[in-house]
Amino acid sequence: PNRALAFVNISHFLNHVIMLIYPTVALTLVDVWSMSYGELFKLFFIGSMLYGVAALPAGWLGDRWSSWGMLAIYMIGTGIATFLTGFANSPTQIAIGLGITGIFASIYHPVGTNFVVQHAVNRAKDLGFNGAFGTVGLAAAAFIAAGLTQLWGWRAAFFVPGVACFLLGIGFVLFTRASVKGKNQGTSVVEDTPVSINTTRLALGLMAVTALAVGLITQAYTSGLPKVFDDTMRALVAAFTLDREGGLTMSSALVTLVILAGAVGQIVGGSLASKYSPKAVYICMFAIMVPLALLASQLDGIALVAVAAVMMLVITGCLPAENCIIVRFCPENWRARVFSAKFVVALGGGSFAVLAVGEIFDRTTDFTWFYGFLIGLAVLVMAFAAFLPSMKD
């Protein structure tokens, strides 16, 4: 199980790398296919939506059949689909490739998260550590995609991560098959005091709304940041006399640094949620985010990079607390399915942020509405989370 958990953590990294290749590649495809960035960005919608929606049957299969088997299918299938997407010759083909990739990639979160919950000793910290791998993937995606594009062309941005994910899947099958049972027959290490059915319904109903809002925030921020930095770092690009591709690589590297702060956020958030009420940690993260977004909307250059990094830290810092809240109020034999539903809501529903951000980028010349969109969602999270039941036993 420990060896398998290592594979699960690494696959979390690759999951987010692969799902965020396209927003950066689309910056290059603007010149290749003579389309606006907004039009190209919207091609990501189907894949992003399926990434969330397909999590529901994936979680059900992981619970009813085999989490090990589903994780193997995820790694191998995602690798193949990503590799094949690199052969796309039209917007339609790349949209189909992204859609198939999203279906396979959707398996990770409900199956992998429940696997971590089952084997965690300190649940909040272990979830935070696992989440940090995913956030490092978010951070590395833009830089990996831009770097591979500059070195070998935009197709390599799909080929290389696709091969890496496929080989990880082969290693997972070869080296963990004998040590991990096919079905989830164990129970969680941490035991919770049972809660009433009415409390469960209230808590999970409120969390459905907040999870959707958090999914919209995360999708909007991480997929929109490459465009924000591409436009607001032009003075730095000029100062270093970089060409278009060099400027794209530099802005993508800055995106990487900003999102990398989110890995620290996962660890910090997990540590805080293990010491204090996860509900309080959850609300406080978004209370901090609002003034940061207001400040970011007025900045550019290095000052924006610093504020954007802190903003990413608080966005991801809420996630261990969010998962702890769900686990606390959900019966153990329903957790895989509830996690599936959460990721359908957060990732599938959150995919509509792609359409919203695409419209914002096409209709406005600055990023005021982009940050306003994030602030409105943060206020919504705080309003609903305030009504969550107490987390005390």
Protein backbone atom coordinates (compact mmCIF):
# COMPACT_ATOMS: atom_id res chain seq x y z
CA PRO A 1 0.00 0.00 0.00
CA ASN A 2 2.83 2.48 0.72
CA ARG A 3 4.37 1.85 -2.68
CA ALA A 4 0.98 2.21 -4.32
CA LEU A 5 0.39 5.47 -2.47
CA ALA A 6 3.65 6.82 -3.91
CA PHE A 7 2.37 6.01 -7.41
CA VAL A 8 -0.95 7.67 -6.54
CA ASN A 9 0.80 10.86 -5.44
CA ILE A 10 2.95 11.03 -8.58
CA SER A 11 -0.09 10.35 -10.74
CA HIS A 12 -1.83 13.28 -9.03
CA PHE A 13 1.03 15.48 -10.23
CA LEU A 14 0.68 14.23 -13.81
CA ASN A 15 -3.10 14.52 -13.69
CA HIS A 16 -2.93 18.28 -13.27
CA VAL A 17 -0.03 18.72 -15.67
CA ILE A 18 -1.97 16.99 -18.43
CA MET A 19 -5.25 18.80 -17.78
CA LEU A 20 -3.56 22.22 -17.95
CA ILE A 21 -1.34 21.71 -21.00
CA TYR A 22 -3.89 23.18 -23.39
CA PRO A 23 -4.44 26.72 -22.00
CA THR A 24 -0.73 27.42 -22.59
CA VAL A 25 -0.55 25.59 -25.95
CA ALA A 26 -3.57 27.61 -27.11
CA LEU A 27 -1.42 30.77 -26.92
CA THR A 28 0.74 29.27 -29.70
CA LEU A 29 -2.24 27.92 -31.68
CA VAL A 30 -3.54 31.49 -32.05
CA ASP A 31 -0.89 31.96 -34.76
CA VAL A 32 -1.00 28.38 -36.09
CA TRP A 33 -4.76 28.23 -36.70
CA SER A 34 -5.55 31.97 -36.99
CA MET A 35 -8.21 31.93 -34.26
CA SER A 36 -8.69 34.21 -31.25
CA TYR A 37 -7.51 32.98 -27.87
CA GLY A 38 -11.08 33.10 -26.57
CA GLU A 39 -12.28 30.81 -29.39
CA LEU A 40 -9.42 28.37 -28.85
CA PHE A 41 -9.86 28.48 -25.08
CA LYS A 42 -13.49 27.37 -25.40
CA LEU A 43 -12.34 24.14 -27.11
CA PHE A 44 -11.14 23.14 -23.64
CA PHE A 45 -14.72 23.19 -22.31
CA ILE A 46 -15.76 19.65 -23.31
CA GLY A 47 -12.63 18.05 -21.87
CA SER A 48 -12.89 20.13 -18.72
CA MET A 49 -16.57 19.24 -18.26
CA LEU A 50 -16.00 15.51 -18.81
CA TYR A 51 -13.09 15.67 -16.36
CA GLY A 52 -15.69 16.41 -13.70
CA VAL A 53 -18.82 14.61 -14.92
CA ALA A 54 -17.11 11.26 -15.57
CA ALA A 55 -15.83 11.23 -11.98
CA LEU A 56 -19.21 9.90 -10.81
CA PRO A 57 -19.16 6.54 -12.65
CA ALA A 58 -15.41 6.32 -12.03
CA GLY A 59 -15.91 6.57 -8.27
CA TRP A 60 -18.75 4.05 -8.36
CA LEU A 61 -16.58 1.56 -10.23
CA GLY A 62 -13.69 2.16 -7.86
CA ASP A 63 -15.97 1.42 -4.92
CA ARG A 64 -17.80 -1.53 -6.42
CA TRP A 65 -15.05 -3.15 -8.51
CA SER A 66 -11.42 -2.23 -7.83
CA SER A 67 -9.67 1.00 -6.90
CA TRP A 68 -6.37 -0.52 -8.01
CA GLY A 69 -7.81 -1.48 -11.38
CA MET A 70 -9.37 1.94 -11.90
CA LEU A 71 -6.10 3.70 -11.06
CA ALA A 72 -4.27 1.49 -13.58
CA ILE A 73 -6.86 2.31 -16.26
CA TYR A 74 -6.53 6.01 -15.38
CA MET A 75 -2.74 6.14 -15.79
CA ILE A 76 -2.50 4.05 -18.97
CA GLY A 77 -5.63 5.48 -20.61
CA THR A 78 -4.78 9.10 -19.85
CA GLY A 79 -1.26 8.61 -21.19
CA ILE A 80 -2.49 7.16 -24.48
CA ALA A 81 -5.22 9.80 -24.94
CA THR A 82 -2.81 12.68 -24.22
CA PHE A 83 -0.23 11.31 -26.65
CA LEU A 84 -2.80 10.92 -29.43
CA THR A 85 -4.10 14.47 -28.89
CA GLY A 86 -0.69 15.69 -30.02
CA PHE A 87 -1.52 14.49 -33.56
CA ALA A 88 -4.54 16.83 -33.87
CA ASN A 89 -4.69 18.83 -37.12
CA SER A 90 -7.83 20.89 -36.49
CA PRO A 91 -9.78 22.54 -33.66
CA THR A 92 -12.36 19.73 -33.80
CA GLN A 93 -9.73 17.04 -33.47
CA ILE A 94 -8.04 18.71 -30.52
CA ALA A 95 -11.41 19.18 -28.80
CA ILE A 96 -12.12 15.45 -29.22
CA GLY A 97 -8.66 14.55 -27.91
CA LEU A 98 -9.10 16.79 -24.88
CA GLY A 99 -12.52 15.23 -24.27
CA ILE A 100 -11.19 11.65 -24.27
CA THR A 101 -8.29 12.72 -22.05
CA GLY A 102 -10.76 14.31 -19.63
CA ILE A 103 -12.73 11.04 -19.35
CA PHE A 104 -9.69 8.99 -18.35
CA ALA A 105 -8.22 11.76 -16.15
CA SER A 106 -11.53 12.01 -14.25
CA ILE A 107 -10.83 8.66 -12.60
CA TYR A 108 -8.06 9.98 -10.36
CA HIS A 109 -9.81 12.29 -7.89
CA PRO A 110 -12.67 10.13 -6.55
CA VAL A 111 -10.61 6.93 -6.52
CA GLY A 112 -7.26 8.38 -5.46
CA THR A 113 -8.67 10.69 -2.78
CA ASN A 114 -10.69 7.90 -1.18
CA PHE A 115 -7.58 5.69 -1.20
CA VAL A 116 -5.67 8.35 0.74
CA VAL A 117 -8.56 8.79 3.23
CA GLN A 118 -8.66 5.04 3.89
CA HIS A 119 -4.94 4.83 4.66
CA ALA A 120 -4.40 8.18 6.40
CA VAL A 121 -3.27 8.33 10.01
CA ASN A 122 -3.43 12.14 10.25
CA ARG A 123 -6.17 12.71 7.71
CA ALA A 124 -5.81 16.47 7.20
CA LYS A 125 -2.02 16.36 6.89
CA ASP A 126 -2.01 13.34 4.57
CA LEU A 127 -4.67 14.89 2.36
CA GLY A 128 -2.64 18.10 2.31
CA PHE A 129 0.51 16.24 1.31
CA ASN A 130 -1.29 14.37 -1.47
CA GLY A 131 -2.87 17.61 -2.58
CA ALA A 132 0.55 19.25 -2.71
CA PHE A 133 1.59 16.81 -5.46
CA GLY A 134 -1.43 17.88 -7.48
CA THR A 135 -0.70 21.54 -6.91
CA VAL A 136 2.91 21.11 -8.02
CA GLY A 137 1.39 19.61 -11.18
CA LEU A 138 -0.75 22.72 -11.57
CA ALA A 139 2.35 24.82 -11.09
CA ALA A 140 4.49 22.89 -13.56
CA ALA A 141 1.87 22.59 -16.32
CA ALA A 142 2.32 26.02 -17.91
CA PHE A 143 6.11 25.88 -17.75
CA ILE A 144 6.30 22.30 -19.06
CA ALA A 145 3.89 23.09 -21.91
CA ALA A 146 5.69 26.31 -22.88
CA GLY A 147 9.15 24.79 -22.54
CA LEU A 148 8.32 21.74 -24.66
CA THR A 149 6.63 23.99 -27.22
CA GLN A 150 9.73 26.17 -27.50
CA LEU A 151 12.05 23.15 -27.75
CA TRP A 152 10.18 20.82 -30.10
CA GLY A 153 6.86 22.45 -31.04
CA TRP A 154 3.38 22.43 -29.50
CA ARG A 155 2.75 18.75 -30.25
CA ALA A 156 5.59 17.76 -27.92
CA ALA A 157 3.65 19.39 -25.08
CA PHE A 158 1.18 16.50 -25.45
CA PHE A 159 3.59 13.74 -26.47
CA VAL A 160 6.02 13.91 -23.54
CA PRO A 161 3.51 14.02 -20.60
CA GLY A 162 1.45 11.36 -22.38
CA VAL A 163 4.39 8.96 -22.53
CA ALA A 164 5.30 9.73 -18.89
CA CYS A 165 1.77 8.94 -17.67
CA PHE A 166 1.62 5.74 -19.73
CA LEU A 167 4.96 4.49 -18.34
CA LEU A 168 3.86 5.34 -14.79
CA GLY A 169 0.79 3.18 -15.35
CA ILE A 170 2.89 0.27 -16.56
CA GLY A 171 5.09 0.60 -13.47
CA PHE A 172 2.01 0.77 -11.24
CA VAL A 173 0.70 -2.51 -12.71
CA LEU A 174 4.06 -4.29 -12.49
CA PHE A 175 5.17 -3.18 -9.02
CA THR A 176 1.97 -2.87 -6.93
CA ARG A 177 -0.28 -5.69 -8.15
CA ALA A 178 0.87 -8.17 -5.50
CA SER A 179 0.68 -5.75 -2.55
CA VAL A 180 -2.72 -4.09 -3.05
CA LYS A 181 -6.04 -5.91 -2.94
CA GLY A 182 -8.40 -5.49 -5.83
CA LYS A 183 -11.27 -4.24 -3.71
CA ASN A 184 -11.57 -1.71 -0.92
CA GLN A 185 -12.14 -4.13 1.92
CA GLY A 186 -10.55 -2.14 4.73
CA THR A 187 -11.90 0.65 6.85
CA SER A 188 -10.40 4.04 7.56
CA VAL A 189 -7.72 4.28 10.22
CA VAL A 190 -9.41 7.36 11.75
CA GLU A 191 -12.86 6.78 13.29
CA ASP A 192 -15.49 9.55 13.50
CA THR A 193 -18.40 10.01 15.87
CA PRO A 194 -21.63 9.31 13.92
CA VAL A 195 -23.90 12.25 13.06
CA SER A 196 -27.64 12.35 12.40
CA ILE A 197 -29.02 11.95 8.90
CA ASN A 198 -30.41 15.51 9.00
CA THR A 199 -26.99 16.90 9.90
CA THR A 200 -25.44 14.91 7.05
CA ARG A 201 -28.01 16.23 4.57
CA LEU A 202 -27.54 19.83 5.71
CA ALA A 203 -23.73 19.67 5.63
CA LEU A 204 -23.44 17.90 2.29
CA GLY A 205 -26.09 20.15 0.73
CA LEU A 206 -24.16 23.27 1.75
CA MET A 207 -20.89 21.68 0.62
CA ALA A 208 -22.37 21.00 -2.81
CA VAL A 209 -22.78 24.75 -3.31
CA THR A 210 -19.38 25.69 -1.89
CA ALA A 211 -17.60 22.90 -3.82
CA LEU A 212 -19.12 24.23 -7.06
CA ALA A 213 -17.96 27.76 -6.24
CA VAL A 214 -14.47 26.55 -5.29
CA GLY A 215 -14.30 24.53 -8.52
CA LEU A 216 -15.22 27.63 -10.53
CA ILE A 217 -12.59 29.69 -8.70
CA THR A 218 -9.85 27.10 -9.20
CA GLN A 219 -10.63 26.49 -12.87
CA ALA A 220 -10.94 30.19 -13.65
CA TYR A 221 -7.76 31.17 -11.83
CA THR A 222 -5.43 28.39 -12.97
CA SER A 223 -6.59 28.36 -16.59
CA GLY A 224 -6.81 32.15 -16.87
CA LEU A 225 -3.45 32.96 -15.29
CA PRO A 226 -1.34 32.20 -18.42
CA LYS A 227 -3.31 34.87 -20.34
CA VAL A 228 -3.15 37.34 -17.44
CA PHE A 229 0.62 37.03 -17.18
CA ASP A 230 1.11 36.99 -20.96
CA ASP A 231 -0.51 40.44 -21.12
CA THR A 232 0.75 42.01 -17.89
CA MET A 233 4.42 40.94 -18.09
CA ARG A 234 5.15 42.60 -21.44
CA ALA A 235 7.31 45.28 -19.83
CA LEU A 236 9.52 42.53 -18.40
CA VAL A 237 9.65 40.77 -21.77
CA ALA A 238 10.75 44.02 -23.41
CA ALA A 239 13.34 44.67 -20.70
CA PHE A 240 14.97 41.29 -21.42
CA THR A 241 14.55 41.77 -25.21
CA LEU A 242 12.84 38.39 -25.59
CA ASP A 243 11.00 37.24 -28.71
CA ARG A 244 7.41 35.99 -28.65
CA GLU A 245 8.28 32.41 -27.72
CA GLY A 246 10.83 33.53 -25.14
CA GLY A 247 8.28 35.87 -23.60
CA LEU A 248 5.72 33.08 -23.45
CA THR A 249 8.22 30.83 -21.71
CA MET A 250 9.08 33.55 -19.19
CA SER A 251 5.45 34.35 -18.37
CA SER A 252 4.71 30.62 -18.10
CA ALA A 253 7.65 30.21 -15.71
CA LEU A 254 6.13 32.95 -13.55
CA VAL A 255 2.77 31.13 -13.66
CA THR A 256 4.64 28.04 -12.48
CA LEU A 257 6.12 29.91 -9.51
CA VAL A 258 2.72 31.33 -8.56
CA ILE A 259 0.89 28.01 -8.70
CA LEU A 260 3.78 26.31 -6.92
CA ALA A 261 2.83 28.45 -3.91
CA GLY A 262 -0.38 26.43 -3.93
CA ALA A 263 1.59 23.34 -2.92
CA VAL A 264 2.66 25.21 0.21
CA GLY A 265 -0.99 26.20 0.64
CA GLN A 266 -2.11 22.56 0.65
CA ILE A 267 0.43 21.68 3.34
CA VAL A 268 -0.32 24.79 5.41
CA GLY A 269 -4.06 24.27 5.02
CA GLY A 270 -3.79 20.62 6.04
CA SER A 271 -1.74 21.53 9.10
CA LEU A 272 -4.20 24.24 10.14
CA ALA A 273 -7.20 21.94 9.61
CA SER A 274 -5.57 19.32 11.86
CA LYS A 275 -5.18 21.88 14.69
CA TYR A 276 -8.26 24.07 14.31
CA SER A 277 -11.83 23.70 13.07
CA PRO A 278 -11.79 22.82 9.33
CA LYS A 279 -14.89 25.00 8.98
CA ALA A 280 -13.08 28.04 10.37
CA VAL A 281 -10.02 27.38 8.19
CA TYR A 282 -12.27 27.01 5.14
CA ILE A 283 -14.02 30.34 5.65
CA CYS A 284 -10.88 32.26 6.60
CA MET A 285 -9.09 31.29 3.40
CA PHE A 286 -11.75 32.99 1.27
CA ALA A 287 -11.95 35.99 3.59
CA ILE A 288 -8.25 36.52 2.87
CA MET A 289 -8.71 35.96 -0.87
CA VAL A 290 -11.11 38.89 -1.43
CA PRO A 291 -8.70 41.78 -0.63
CA LEU A 292 -5.91 39.94 -2.44
CA ALA A 293 -7.99 39.77 -5.64
CA LEU A 294 -8.85 43.47 -5.35
CA LEU A 295 -5.15 44.28 -5.00
CA ALA A 296 -4.11 41.99 -7.87
CA SER A 297 -6.53 43.73 -10.23
CA GLN A 298 -4.50 46.95 -9.85
CA LEU A 299 -1.02 45.46 -10.30
CA ASP A 300 1.31 44.16 -13.00
CA GLY A 301 4.90 42.94 -13.22
CA ILE A 302 6.73 41.47 -10.25
CA ALA A 303 4.29 42.99 -7.73
CA LEU A 304 1.45 41.05 -9.38
CA VAL A 305 3.49 37.84 -9.25
CA ALA A 306 3.94 38.20 -5.46
CA VAL A 307 0.26 38.91 -4.77
CA ALA A 308 -0.89 36.21 -7.20
CA ALA A 309 1.28 33.66 -5.36
CA VAL A 310 -0.30 34.45 -1.99
CA MET A 311 -3.73 34.32 -3.63
CA MET A 312 -2.96 30.85 -5.00
CA LEU A 313 -1.81 29.76 -1.56
CA VAL A 314 -5.17 30.62 0.04
CA ILE A 315 -7.20 29.12 -2.82
CA THR A 316 -5.51 25.74 -2.46
CA GLY A 317 -5.22 26.03 1.32
CA CYS A 318 -8.97 25.50 1.63
CA LEU A 319 -8.93 22.07 -0.04
CA PRO A 320 -7.72 19.83 2.84
CA ALA A 321 -10.30 21.49 5.10
CA GLU A 322 -12.99 20.98 2.45
CA ASN A 323 -12.24 17.25 2.20
CA CYS A 324 -12.15 16.92 6.02
CA ILE A 325 -15.59 18.54 6.28
CA ILE A 326 -17.02 16.13 3.71
CA VAL A 327 -15.46 13.08 5.41
CA ARG A 328 -16.67 14.24 8.85
CA PHE A 329 -20.34 14.38 7.82
CA CYS A 330 -20.43 11.47 5.35
CA PRO A 331 -21.00 7.79 6.32
CA GLU A 332 -17.87 5.77 5.56
CA ASN A 333 -19.54 3.37 3.15
CA TRP A 334 -20.69 6.32 1.02
CA ARG A 335 -17.43 8.27 0.88
CA ALA A 336 -16.22 7.11 -2.54
CA ARG A 337 -19.56 8.02 -4.09
CA VAL A 338 -19.75 11.34 -2.26
CA PHE A 339 -16.21 12.21 -3.37
CA SER A 340 -17.29 11.31 -6.91
CA ALA A 341 -20.27 13.63 -6.61
CA LYS A 342 -18.02 16.36 -5.21
CA PHE A 343 -15.69 16.17 -8.17
CA VAL A 344 -18.60 16.10 -10.62
CA VAL A 345 -19.78 19.34 -9.04
CA ALA A 346 -16.34 20.92 -8.55
CA LEU A 347 -14.67 19.87 -11.80
CA GLY A 348 -17.66 19.37 -14.09
CA GLY A 349 -19.55 22.41 -12.85
CA GLY A 350 -16.29 24.30 -12.49
CA SER A 351 -15.61 23.75 -16.19
CA PHE A 352 -18.20 26.45 -16.95
CA ALA A 353 -15.59 28.89 -15.66
CA VAL A 354 -13.75 28.16 -18.94
CA LEU A 355 -16.69 29.58 -20.89
CA ALA A 356 -17.02 32.55 -18.54
CA VAL A 357 -13.31 33.38 -18.66
CA GLY A 358 -13.25 32.97 -22.44
CA GLU A 359 -16.08 35.50 -22.74
CA ILE A 360 -14.39 37.88 -20.31
CA PHE A 361 -11.12 37.73 -22.28
CA ASP A 362 -12.92 38.32 -25.58
CA ARG A 363 -15.08 41.21 -24.33
CA THR A 364 -12.68 43.17 -22.10
CA THR A 365 -9.18 44.57 -22.52
CA ASP A 366 -8.20 44.47 -18.84
CA PHE A 367 -8.75 41.94 -16.07
CA THR A 368 -11.14 43.80 -13.75
CA TRP A 369 -14.07 41.51 -14.57
CA PHE A 370 -11.83 38.46 -14.26
CA TYR A 371 -10.95 39.32 -10.65
CA GLY A 372 -14.53 40.45 -9.96
CA PHE A 373 -15.75 37.00 -11.02
CA LEU A 374 -13.38 35.39 -8.48
CA ILE A 375 -14.42 37.77 -5.68
CA GLY A 376 -18.13 37.09 -6.22
CA LEU A 377 -17.55 33.35 -5.95
CA ALA A 378 -15.43 33.75 -2.79
CA VAL A 379 -18.24 35.69 -1.10
CA LEU A 380 -20.67 32.92 -2.08
CA VAL A 381 -18.43 30.28 -0.45
CA MET A 382 -18.24 32.23 2.83
CA ALA A 383 -21.99 32.83 2.92
CA PHE A 384 -22.90 29.13 2.58
CA ALA A 385 -20.02 27.74 4.67
CA ALA A 386 -21.11 29.92 7.61
CA PHE A 387 -24.20 27.69 8.00
CA LEU A 388 -22.24 24.42 8.24
CA PRO A 389 -22.82 22.43 11.47
CA SER A 390 -20.17 22.50 14.18
CA MET A 391 -17.21 20.19 13.57
CA LYS A 392 -16.95 19.21 17.25
CA ASP A 393 -17.62 15.55 18.16
